[in-house]
ModelCIF file with pLDDT and N, C-alpha, C, O atoms, coordinates in Angstrom:
data_MODEL
#
_entry.id   MODEL 
#
_entity.id                         1 
_entity.type                       polymer 
_entity.pdbx_number_of_molecules   1 
#
_entity_poly.entity_id                      1 
_entity_poly.type                           'polypeptide(L)' 
_entity_poly.nstd_linkage                   no 
_entity_poly.nstd_monomer                   no 
_entity_poly.pdbx_seq_one_letter_code       CAYAPRCPKARDVCVAEAPALRDLPDGRRVACHFPLVHRPT 
_entity_poly.pdbx_seq_one_letter_code_can   CAYAPRCPKARDVCVAEAPALRDLPDGRRVACHFPLVHRPT 
_entity_poly.pdbx_strand_id                 A 
#
loop_
_entity_poly_seq.entity_id 
_entity_poly_seq.num 
_entity_poly_seq.mon_id 
_entity_poly_seq.hetero 
1 1  CYS n 
1 2  ALA n 
1 3  TYR n 
1 4  ALA n 
1 5  PRO n 
1 6  ARG n 
1 7  CYS n 
1 8  PRO n 
1 9  LYS n 
1 10 ALA n 
1 11 ARG n 
1 12 ASP n 
1 13 VAL n 
1 14 CYS n 
1 15 VAL n 
1 16 ALA n 
1 17 GLU n 
1 18 ALA n 
1 19 PRO n 
1 20 ALA n 
1 21 LEU n 
1 22 ARG n 
1 23 ASP n 
1 24 LEU n 
1 25 PRO n 
1 26 ASP n 
1 27 GLY n 
1 28 ARG n 
1 29 ARG n 
1 30 VAL n 
1 31 ALA n 
1 32 CYS n 
1 33 HIS n 
1 34 PHE n 
1 35 PRO n 
1 36 LEU n 
1 37 VAL n 
1 38 HIS n 
1 39 ARG n 
1 40 PRO n 
1 41 THR n 
#
_struct_asym.id          A 
_struct_asym.entity_id   1 
#
loop_
_ma_qa_metric.id 
_ma_qa_metric.mode 
_ma_qa_metric.name 
_ma_qa_metric.software_group_id 
_ma_qa_metric.type 
1 global pLDDT . pLDDT 
2 local  pLDDT . pLDDT 
#
_ma_qa_metric_global.metric_id      1 
_ma_qa_metric_global.metric_value   85.49 
_ma_qa_metric_global.model_id       1 
_ma_qa_metric_global.ordinal_id     1 
#
loop_
_ma_qa_metric_local.label_asym_id 
_ma_qa_metric_local.label_comp_id 
_ma_qa_metric_local.label_seq_id 
_ma_qa_metric_local.metric_id 
_ma_qa_metric_local.metric_value 
_ma_qa_metric_local.model_id 
_ma_qa_metric_local.ordinal_id 
A CYS 1  2 91.00 1 1  
A ALA 2  2 90.00 1 2  
A TYR 3  2 92.00 1 3  
A ALA 4  2 90.00 1 4  
A PRO 5  2 89.00 1 5  
A ARG 6  2 88.00 1 6  
A CYS 7  2 89.00 1 7  
A PRO 8  2 85.00 1 8  
A LYS 9  2 85.00 1 9  
A ALA 10 2 88.00 1 10 
A ARG 11 2 90.00 1 11 
A ASP 12 2 90.00 1 12 
A VAL 13 2 91.00 1 13 
A CYS 14 2 91.00 1 14 
A VAL 15 2 88.00 1 15 
A ALA 16 2 90.00 1 16 
A GLU 17 2 91.00 1 17 
A ALA 18 2 90.00 1 18 
A PRO 19 2 92.00 1 19 
A ALA 20 2 91.00 1 20 
A LEU 21 2 91.00 1 21 
A ARG 22 2 91.00 1 22 
A ASP 23 2 92.00 1 23 
A LEU 24 2 90.00 1 24 
A PRO 25 2 89.00 1 25 
A ASP 26 2 87.00 1 26 
A GLY 27 2 86.00 1 27 
A ARG 28 2 91.00 1 28 
A ARG 29 2 94.00 1 29 
A VAL 30 2 95.00 1 30 
A ALA 31 2 93.00 1 31 
A CYS 32 2 93.00 1 32 
A HIS 33 2 92.00 1 33 
A PHE 34 2 91.00 1 34 
A PRO 35 2 91.00 1 35 
A LEU 36 2 84.00 1 36 
A VAL 37 2 68.00 1 37 
A HIS 38 2 59.00 1 38 
A ARG 39 2 48.00 1 39 
A PRO 40 2 46.00 1 40 
A THR 41 2 43.00 1 41 
#
loop_
_atom_site.group_PDB 
_atom_site.id 
_atom_site.type_symbol 
_atom_site.label_atom_id 
_atom_site.label_alt_id 
_atom_site.label_comp_id 
_atom_site.label_asym_id 
_atom_site.label_entity_id 
_atom_site.label_seq_id 
_atom_site.pdbx_PDB_ins_code 
_atom_site.Cartn_x 
_atom_site.Cartn_y 
_atom_site.Cartn_z 
_atom_site.occupancy 
_atom_site.B_iso_or_equiv 
_atom_site.pdbx_formal_charge 
_atom_site.auth_seq_id 
_atom_site.auth_comp_id 
_atom_site.auth_asym_id 
_atom_site.auth_atom_id 
_atom_site.pdbx_PDB_model_num 
ATOM 1   N N  . CYS A 1 1  ? -10.429 -1.115 14.864 1.00 91.00 ? 1  CYS A N  1 
ATOM 2   C CA . CYS A 1 1  ? -11.567 -0.440 15.469 1.00 91.00 ? 1  CYS A CA 1 
ATOM 3   C C  . CYS A 1 1  ? -12.146 -1.473 16.437 1.00 91.00 ? 1  CYS A C  1 
ATOM 4   O O  . CYS A 1 1  ? -12.254 -2.659 16.125 1.00 91.00 ? 1  CYS A O  1 
ATOM 5   N N  . ALA A 1 2  ? -12.524 -0.969 17.647 1.00 90.00 ? 2  ALA A N  1 
ATOM 6   C CA . ALA A 1 2  ? -13.003 -1.956 18.756 1.00 90.00 ? 2  ALA A CA 1 
ATOM 7   C C  . ALA A 1 2  ? -14.394 -2.414 18.274 1.00 90.00 ? 2  ALA A C  1 
ATOM 8   O O  . ALA A 1 2  ? -14.845 -3.477 18.701 1.00 90.00 ? 2  ALA A O  1 
ATOM 9   N N  . TYR A 1 3  ? -15.111 -1.642 17.385 1.00 92.00 ? 3  TYR A N  1 
ATOM 10  C CA . TYR A 1 3  ? -16.597 -1.924 16.999 1.00 92.00 ? 3  TYR A CA 1 
ATOM 11  C C  . TYR A 1 3  ? -16.510 -2.853 15.785 1.00 92.00 ? 3  TYR A C  1 
ATOM 12  O O  . TYR A 1 3  ? -17.565 -3.415 15.492 1.00 92.00 ? 3  TYR A O  1 
ATOM 13  N N  . ALA A 1 4  ? -15.497 -3.100 15.068 1.00 90.00 ? 4  ALA A N  1 
ATOM 14  C CA . ALA A 1 4  ? -15.329 -3.895 13.936 1.00 90.00 ? 4  ALA A CA 1 
ATOM 15  C C  . ALA A 1 4  ? -16.106 -5.171 13.894 1.00 90.00 ? 4  ALA A C  1 
ATOM 16  O O  . ALA A 1 4  ? -16.849 -5.501 12.969 1.00 90.00 ? 4  ALA A O  1 
ATOM 17  N N  . PRO A 1 5  ? -15.842 -5.935 15.103 1.00 89.00 ? 5  PRO A N  1 
ATOM 18  C CA . PRO A 1 5  ? -16.459 -7.395 15.022 1.00 89.00 ? 5  PRO A CA 1 
ATOM 19  C C  . PRO A 1 5  ? -18.017 -7.289 14.947 1.00 89.00 ? 5  PRO A C  1 
ATOM 20  O O  . PRO A 1 5  ? -18.684 -8.204 14.466 1.00 89.00 ? 5  PRO A O  1 
ATOM 21  N N  . ARG A 1 6  ? -18.573 -6.148 15.437 1.00 88.00 ? 6  ARG A N  1 
ATOM 22  C CA . ARG A 1 6  ? -20.155 -6.008 15.444 1.00 88.00 ? 6  ARG A CA 1 
ATOM 23  C C  . ARG A 1 6  ? -20.674 -5.110 14.112 1.00 88.00 ? 6  ARG A C  1 
ATOM 24  O O  . ARG A 1 6  ? -21.864 -4.926 13.859 1.00 88.00 ? 6  ARG A O  1 
ATOM 25  N N  . CYS A 1 7  ? -19.711 -4.661 13.425 1.00 89.00 ? 7  CYS A N  1 
ATOM 26  C CA . CYS A 1 7  ? -20.185 -3.554 12.364 1.00 89.00 ? 7  CYS A CA 1 
ATOM 27  C C  . CYS A 1 7  ? -20.405 -4.304 11.059 1.00 89.00 ? 7  CYS A C  1 
ATOM 28  O O  . CYS A 1 7  ? -19.562 -5.054 10.567 1.00 89.00 ? 7  CYS A O  1 
ATOM 29  N N  . PRO A 1 8  ? -21.600 -4.047 10.536 1.00 85.00 ? 8  PRO A N  1 
ATOM 30  C CA . PRO A 1 8  ? -21.904 -4.709 9.268  1.00 85.00 ? 8  PRO A CA 1 
ATOM 31  C C  . PRO A 1 8  ? -21.227 -4.019 8.085  1.00 85.00 ? 8  PRO A C  1 
ATOM 32  O O  . PRO A 1 8  ? -21.282 -4.553 6.977  1.00 85.00 ? 8  PRO A O  1 
ATOM 33  N N  . LYS A 1 9  ? -20.585 -2.846 8.265  1.00 85.00 ? 9  LYS A N  1 
ATOM 34  C CA . LYS A 1 9  ? -20.021 -2.047 7.164  1.00 85.00 ? 9  LYS A CA 1 
ATOM 35  C C  . LYS A 1 9  ? -18.414 -2.259 7.415  1.00 85.00 ? 9  LYS A C  1 
ATOM 36  O O  . LYS A 1 9  ? -17.706 -1.547 6.703  1.00 85.00 ? 9  LYS A O  1 
ATOM 37  N N  . ALA A 1 10 ? -17.845 -2.997 8.182  1.00 88.00 ? 10 ALA A N  1 
ATOM 38  C CA . ALA A 1 10 ? -16.450 -3.259 8.448  1.00 88.00 ? 10 ALA A CA 1 
ATOM 39  C C  . ALA A 1 10 ? -15.714 -3.661 7.180  1.00 88.00 ? 10 ALA A C  1 
ATOM 40  O O  . ALA A 1 10 ? -16.177 -4.433 6.340  1.00 88.00 ? 10 ALA A O  1 
ATOM 41  N N  . ARG A 1 11 ? -14.533 -3.072 7.115  1.00 90.00 ? 11 ARG A N  1 
ATOM 42  C CA . ARG A 1 11 ? -13.627 -3.513 5.940  1.00 90.00 ? 11 ARG A CA 1 
ATOM 43  C C  . ARG A 1 11 ? -12.259 -3.859 6.462  1.00 90.00 ? 11 ARG A C  1 
ATOM 44  O O  . ARG A 1 11 ? -12.020 -3.735 7.663  1.00 90.00 ? 11 ARG A O  1 
ATOM 45  N N  . ASP A 1 12 ? -11.369 -4.278 5.632  1.00 90.00 ? 12 ASP A N  1 
ATOM 46  C CA . ASP A 1 12 ? -9.934  -4.613 6.232  1.00 90.00 ? 12 ASP A CA 1 
ATOM 47  C C  . ASP A 1 12 ? -9.367  -3.578 6.971  1.00 90.00 ? 12 ASP A C  1 
ATOM 48  O O  . ASP A 1 12 ? -8.804  -3.791 8.045  1.00 90.00 ? 12 ASP A O  1 
ATOM 49  N N  . VAL A 1 13 ? -9.483  -2.379 6.429  1.00 91.00 ? 13 VAL A N  1 
ATOM 50  C CA . VAL A 1 13 ? -8.835  -1.204 7.133  1.00 91.00 ? 13 VAL A CA 1 
ATOM 51  C C  . VAL A 1 13 ? -9.305  -1.035 8.582  1.00 91.00 ? 13 VAL A C  1 
ATOM 52  O O  . VAL A 1 13 ? -8.586  -0.507 9.430  1.00 91.00 ? 13 VAL A O  1 
ATOM 53  N N  . CYS A 1 14 ? -10.508 -1.491 8.834  1.00 91.00 ? 14 CYS A N  1 
ATOM 54  C CA . CYS A 1 14 ? -11.202 -1.346 10.095 1.00 91.00 ? 14 CYS A CA 1 
ATOM 55  C C  . CYS A 1 14 ? -10.575 -2.186 11.009 1.00 91.00 ? 14 CYS A C  1 
ATOM 56  O O  . CYS A 1 14 ? -10.268 -1.751 12.120 1.00 91.00 ? 14 CYS A O  1 
ATOM 57  N N  . VAL A 1 15 ? -10.311 -3.510 10.634 1.00 88.00 ? 15 VAL A N  1 
ATOM 58  C CA . VAL A 1 15 ? -9.561  -4.424 11.375 1.00 88.00 ? 15 VAL A CA 1 
ATOM 59  C C  . VAL A 1 15 ? -8.045  -4.112 11.612 1.00 88.00 ? 15 VAL A C  1 
ATOM 60  O O  . VAL A 1 15 ? -7.478  -4.613 12.583 1.00 88.00 ? 15 VAL A O  1 
ATOM 61  N N  . ALA A 1 16 ? -7.452  -3.381 10.836 1.00 90.00 ? 16 ALA A N  1 
ATOM 62  C CA . ALA A 1 16 ? -6.109  -3.217 10.767 1.00 90.00 ? 16 ALA A CA 1 
ATOM 63  C C  . ALA A 1 16 ? -5.767  -1.878 11.589 1.00 90.00 ? 16 ALA A C  1 
ATOM 64  O O  . ALA A 1 16 ? -4.756  -1.798 12.286 1.00 90.00 ? 16 ALA A O  1 
ATOM 65  N N  . GLU A 1 17 ? -6.663  -0.874 11.452 1.00 91.00 ? 17 GLU A N  1 
ATOM 66  C CA . GLU A 1 17 ? -6.219  0.435  11.948 1.00 91.00 ? 17 GLU A CA 1 
ATOM 67  C C  . GLU A 1 17 ? -7.465  0.919  12.721 1.00 91.00 ? 17 GLU A C  1 
ATOM 68  O O  . GLU A 1 17 ? -8.607  0.828  12.271 1.00 91.00 ? 17 GLU A O  1 
ATOM 69  N N  . ALA A 1 18 ? -7.137  1.457  13.956 1.00 90.00 ? 18 ALA A N  1 
ATOM 70  C CA . ALA A 1 18 ? -8.196  2.240  14.757 1.00 90.00 ? 18 ALA A CA 1 
ATOM 71  C C  . ALA A 1 18 ? -8.377  3.641  14.122 1.00 90.00 ? 18 ALA A C  1 
ATOM 72  O O  . ALA A 1 18 ? -7.409  4.344  13.834 1.00 90.00 ? 18 ALA A O  1 
ATOM 73  N N  . PRO A 1 19 ? -9.699  4.025  13.913 1.00 92.00 ? 19 PRO A N  1 
ATOM 74  C CA . PRO A 1 19 ? -9.894  5.313  13.500 1.00 92.00 ? 19 PRO A CA 1 
ATOM 75  C C  . PRO A 1 19 ? -9.818  6.401  14.663 1.00 92.00 ? 19 PRO A C  1 
ATOM 76  O O  . PRO A 1 19 ? -10.252 6.230  15.802 1.00 92.00 ? 19 PRO A O  1 
ATOM 77  N N  . ALA A 1 20 ? -9.185  7.562  14.178 1.00 91.00 ? 20 ALA A N  1 
ATOM 78  C CA . ALA A 1 20 ? -9.198  8.688  15.179 1.00 91.00 ? 20 ALA A CA 1 
ATOM 79  C C  . ALA A 1 20 ? -10.479 9.446  15.220 1.00 91.00 ? 20 ALA A C  1 
ATOM 80  O O  . ALA A 1 20 ? -11.194 9.400  14.219 1.00 91.00 ? 20 ALA A O  1 
ATOM 81  N N  . LEU A 1 21 ? -10.838 10.106 16.207 1.00 91.00 ? 21 LEU A N  1 
ATOM 82  C CA . LEU A 1 21 ? -11.983 11.045 16.350 1.00 91.00 ? 21 LEU A CA 1 
ATOM 83  C C  . LEU A 1 21 ? -11.635 12.278 15.602 1.00 91.00 ? 21 LEU A C  1 
ATOM 84  O O  . LEU A 1 21 ? -10.752 13.061 15.953 1.00 91.00 ? 21 LEU A O  1 
ATOM 85  N N  . ARG A 1 22 ? -12.458 12.415 14.445 1.00 91.00 ? 22 ARG A N  1 
ATOM 86  C CA . ARG A 1 22 ? -12.294 13.597 13.451 1.00 91.00 ? 22 ARG A CA 1 
ATOM 87  C C  . ARG A 1 22 ? -13.469 14.410 13.309 1.00 91.00 ? 22 ARG A C  1 
ATOM 88  O O  . ARG A 1 22 ? -14.576 14.010 13.668 1.00 91.00 ? 22 ARG A O  1 
ATOM 89  N N  . ASP A 1 23 ? -13.251 15.616 12.764 1.00 92.00 ? 23 ASP A N  1 
ATOM 90  C CA . ASP A 1 23 ? -14.343 16.508 12.619 1.00 92.00 ? 23 ASP A CA 1 
ATOM 91  C C  . ASP A 1 23 ? -15.003 16.294 11.343 1.00 92.00 ? 23 ASP A C  1 
ATOM 92  O O  . ASP A 1 23 ? -14.383 16.082 10.301 1.00 92.00 ? 23 ASP A O  1 
ATOM 93  N N  . LEU A 1 24 ? -16.408 16.359 11.448 1.00 90.00 ? 24 LEU A N  1 
ATOM 94  C CA . LEU A 1 24 ? -17.264 16.360 10.184 1.00 90.00 ? 24 LEU A CA 1 
ATOM 95  C C  . LEU A 1 24 ? -17.763 17.739 9.875  1.00 90.00 ? 24 LEU A C  1 
ATOM 96  O O  . LEU A 1 24 ? -17.815 18.607 10.747 1.00 90.00 ? 24 LEU A O  1 
ATOM 97  N N  . PRO A 1 25 ? -18.131 17.938 8.637  1.00 89.00 ? 25 PRO A N  1 
ATOM 98  C CA . PRO A 1 25 ? -18.395 19.363 8.201  1.00 89.00 ? 25 PRO A CA 1 
ATOM 99  C C  . PRO A 1 25 ? -19.607 19.969 8.942  1.00 89.00 ? 25 PRO A C  1 
ATOM 100 O O  . PRO A 1 25 ? -19.731 21.191 9.020  1.00 89.00 ? 25 PRO A O  1 
ATOM 101 N N  . ASP A 1 26 ? -20.529 19.088 9.504  1.00 87.00 ? 26 ASP A N  1 
ATOM 102 C CA . ASP A 1 26 ? -21.686 19.502 10.223 1.00 87.00 ? 26 ASP A CA 1 
ATOM 103 C C  . ASP A 1 26 ? -21.354 19.880 11.656 1.00 87.00 ? 26 ASP A C  1 
ATOM 104 O O  . ASP A 1 26 ? -22.269 20.314 12.354 1.00 87.00 ? 26 ASP A O  1 
ATOM 105 N N  . GLY A 1 27 ? -20.205 19.764 12.132 1.00 86.00 ? 27 GLY A N  1 
ATOM 106 C CA . GLY A 1 27 ? -19.875 20.177 13.377 1.00 86.00 ? 27 GLY A CA 1 
ATOM 107 C C  . GLY A 1 27 ? -19.786 18.982 14.435 1.00 86.00 ? 27 GLY A C  1 
ATOM 108 O O  . GLY A 1 27 ? -19.566 19.205 15.625 1.00 86.00 ? 27 GLY A O  1 
ATOM 109 N N  . ARG A 1 28 ? -19.961 17.773 13.947 1.00 91.00 ? 28 ARG A N  1 
ATOM 110 C CA . ARG A 1 28 ? -19.817 16.646 14.777 1.00 91.00 ? 28 ARG A CA 1 
ATOM 111 C C  . ARG A 1 28 ? -18.402 16.008 14.747 1.00 91.00 ? 28 ARG A C  1 
ATOM 112 O O  . ARG A 1 28 ? -17.655 16.341 13.827 1.00 91.00 ? 28 ARG A O  1 
ATOM 113 N N  . ARG A 1 29 ? -17.990 15.156 15.637 1.00 94.00 ? 29 ARG A N  1 
ATOM 114 C CA . ARG A 1 29 ? -16.850 14.485 15.571 1.00 94.00 ? 29 ARG A CA 1 
ATOM 115 C C  . ARG A 1 29 ? -17.159 12.871 15.590 1.00 94.00 ? 29 ARG A C  1 
ATOM 116 O O  . ARG A 1 29 ? -18.007 12.430 16.366 1.00 94.00 ? 29 ARG A O  1 
ATOM 117 N N  . VAL A 1 30 ? -16.517 12.112 14.803 1.00 95.00 ? 30 VAL A N  1 
ATOM 118 C CA . VAL A 1 30 ? -16.810 10.734 14.637 1.00 95.00 ? 30 VAL A CA 1 
ATOM 119 C C  . VAL A 1 30 ? -15.546 9.897  14.526 1.00 95.00 ? 30 VAL A C  1 
ATOM 120 O O  . VAL A 1 30 ? -14.634 10.344 13.830 1.00 95.00 ? 30 VAL A O  1 
ATOM 121 N N  . ALA A 1 31 ? -15.404 8.769  15.119 1.00 93.00 ? 31 ALA A N  1 
ATOM 122 C CA . ALA A 1 31 ? -14.266 7.929  14.998 1.00 93.00 ? 31 ALA A CA 1 
ATOM 123 C C  . ALA A 1 31 ? -14.677 6.734  14.044 1.00 93.00 ? 31 ALA A C  1 
ATOM 124 O O  . ALA A 1 31 ? -15.009 5.667  14.561 1.00 93.00 ? 31 ALA A O  1 
ATOM 125 N N  . CYS A 1 32 ? -14.668 6.861  12.827 1.00 93.00 ? 32 CYS A N  1 
ATOM 126 C CA . CYS A 1 32 ? -15.097 5.812  11.875 1.00 93.00 ? 32 CYS A CA 1 
ATOM 127 C C  . CYS A 1 32 ? -14.384 6.076  10.468 1.00 93.00 ? 32 CYS A C  1 
ATOM 128 O O  . CYS A 1 32 ? -14.291 7.208  9.994  1.00 93.00 ? 32 CYS A O  1 
ATOM 129 N N  . HIS A 1 33 ? -13.916 4.988  9.878  1.00 92.00 ? 33 HIS A N  1 
ATOM 130 C CA . HIS A 1 33 ? -13.303 5.175  8.559  1.00 92.00 ? 33 HIS A CA 1 
ATOM 131 C C  . HIS A 1 33 ? -14.386 5.387  7.618  1.00 92.00 ? 33 HIS A C  1 
ATOM 132 O O  . HIS A 1 33 ? -14.113 6.014  6.595  1.00 92.00 ? 33 HIS A O  1 
ATOM 133 N N  . PHE A 1 34 ? -15.522 4.987  7.786  1.00 91.00 ? 34 PHE A N  1 
ATOM 134 C CA . PHE A 1 34 ? -16.594 5.047  6.845  1.00 91.00 ? 34 PHE A CA 1 
ATOM 135 C C  . PHE A 1 34 ? -17.805 5.515  7.538  1.00 91.00 ? 34 PHE A C  1 
ATOM 136 O O  . PHE A 1 34 ? -18.720 4.714  7.732  1.00 91.00 ? 34 PHE A O  1 
ATOM 137 N N  . PRO A 1 35 ? -17.909 6.893  7.979  1.00 91.00 ? 35 PRO A N  1 
ATOM 138 C CA . PRO A 1 35 ? -19.097 7.368  8.560  1.00 91.00 ? 35 PRO A CA 1 
ATOM 139 C C  . PRO A 1 35 ? -20.230 7.309  7.727  1.00 91.00 ? 35 PRO A C  1 
ATOM 140 O O  . PRO A 1 35 ? -20.073 7.445  6.513  1.00 91.00 ? 35 PRO A O  1 
ATOM 141 N N  . LEU A 1 36 ? -21.471 7.105  8.256  1.00 84.00 ? 36 LEU A N  1 
ATOM 142 C CA . LEU A 1 36 ? -22.672 7.145  7.582  1.00 84.00 ? 36 LEU A CA 1 
ATOM 143 C C  . LEU A 1 36 ? -22.969 8.462  6.962  1.00 84.00 ? 36 LEU A C  1 
ATOM 144 O O  . LEU A 1 36 ? -22.849 9.501  7.610  1.00 84.00 ? 36 LEU A O  1 
ATOM 145 N N  . VAL A 1 37 ? -23.392 8.442  5.603  1.00 68.00 ? 37 VAL A N  1 
ATOM 146 C CA . VAL A 1 37 ? -23.406 9.659  4.876  1.00 68.00 ? 37 VAL A CA 1 
ATOM 147 C C  . VAL A 1 37 ? -25.091 9.965  4.805  1.00 68.00 ? 37 VAL A C  1 
ATOM 148 O O  . VAL A 1 37 ? -25.873 9.067  4.490  1.00 68.00 ? 37 VAL A O  1 
ATOM 149 N N  . HIS A 1 38 ? -25.488 11.183 5.098  1.00 59.00 ? 38 HIS A N  1 
ATOM 150 C CA . HIS A 1 38 ? -26.809 11.552 5.028  1.00 59.00 ? 38 HIS A CA 1 
ATOM 151 C C  . HIS A 1 38 ? -26.975 12.616 3.962  1.00 59.00 ? 38 HIS A C  1 
ATOM 152 O O  . HIS A 1 38 ? -26.311 13.647 4.071  1.00 59.00 ? 38 HIS A O  1 
ATOM 153 N N  . ARG A 1 39 ? -27.825 12.451 2.917  1.00 48.00 ? 39 ARG A N  1 
ATOM 154 C CA . ARG A 1 39 ? -28.104 13.374 2.135  1.00 48.00 ? 39 ARG A CA 1 
ATOM 155 C C  . ARG A 1 39 ? -29.164 14.370 2.471  1.00 48.00 ? 39 ARG A C  1 
ATOM 156 O O  . ARG A 1 39 ? -30.227 13.964 2.942  1.00 48.00 ? 39 ARG A O  1 
ATOM 157 N N  . PRO A 1 40 ? -28.961 15.627 2.268  1.00 46.00 ? 40 PRO A N  1 
ATOM 158 C CA . PRO A 1 40 ? -29.968 16.658 2.644  1.00 46.00 ? 40 PRO A CA 1 
ATOM 159 C C  . PRO A 1 40 ? -31.253 16.433 2.090  1.00 46.00 ? 40 PRO A C  1 
ATOM 160 O O  . PRO A 1 40 ? -31.350 16.004 0.940  1.00 46.00 ? 40 PRO A O  1 
ATOM 161 N N  . THR A 1 41 ? -32.330 16.694 2.840  1.00 43.00 ? 41 THR A N  1 
ATOM 162 C CA . THR A 1 41 ? -33.700 16.441 2.439  1.00 43.00 ? 41 THR A CA 1 
ATOM 163 C C  . THR A 1 41 ? -34.203 17.690 1.835  1.00 43.00 ? 41 THR A C  1 
ATOM 164 O O  . THR A 1 41 ? -35.355 17.748 1.405  1.00 43.00 ? 41 THR A O  1 
#
């Protein structure tokens, strides 16, 4: 992942493998192995 050097949540897989842009249940698309999770309020 190009953002891995700046990402505080980066792990080994982030350095080794670029994430693909994938769909989330809420209709968004995100390229991240560990997208931020938001609990419903």
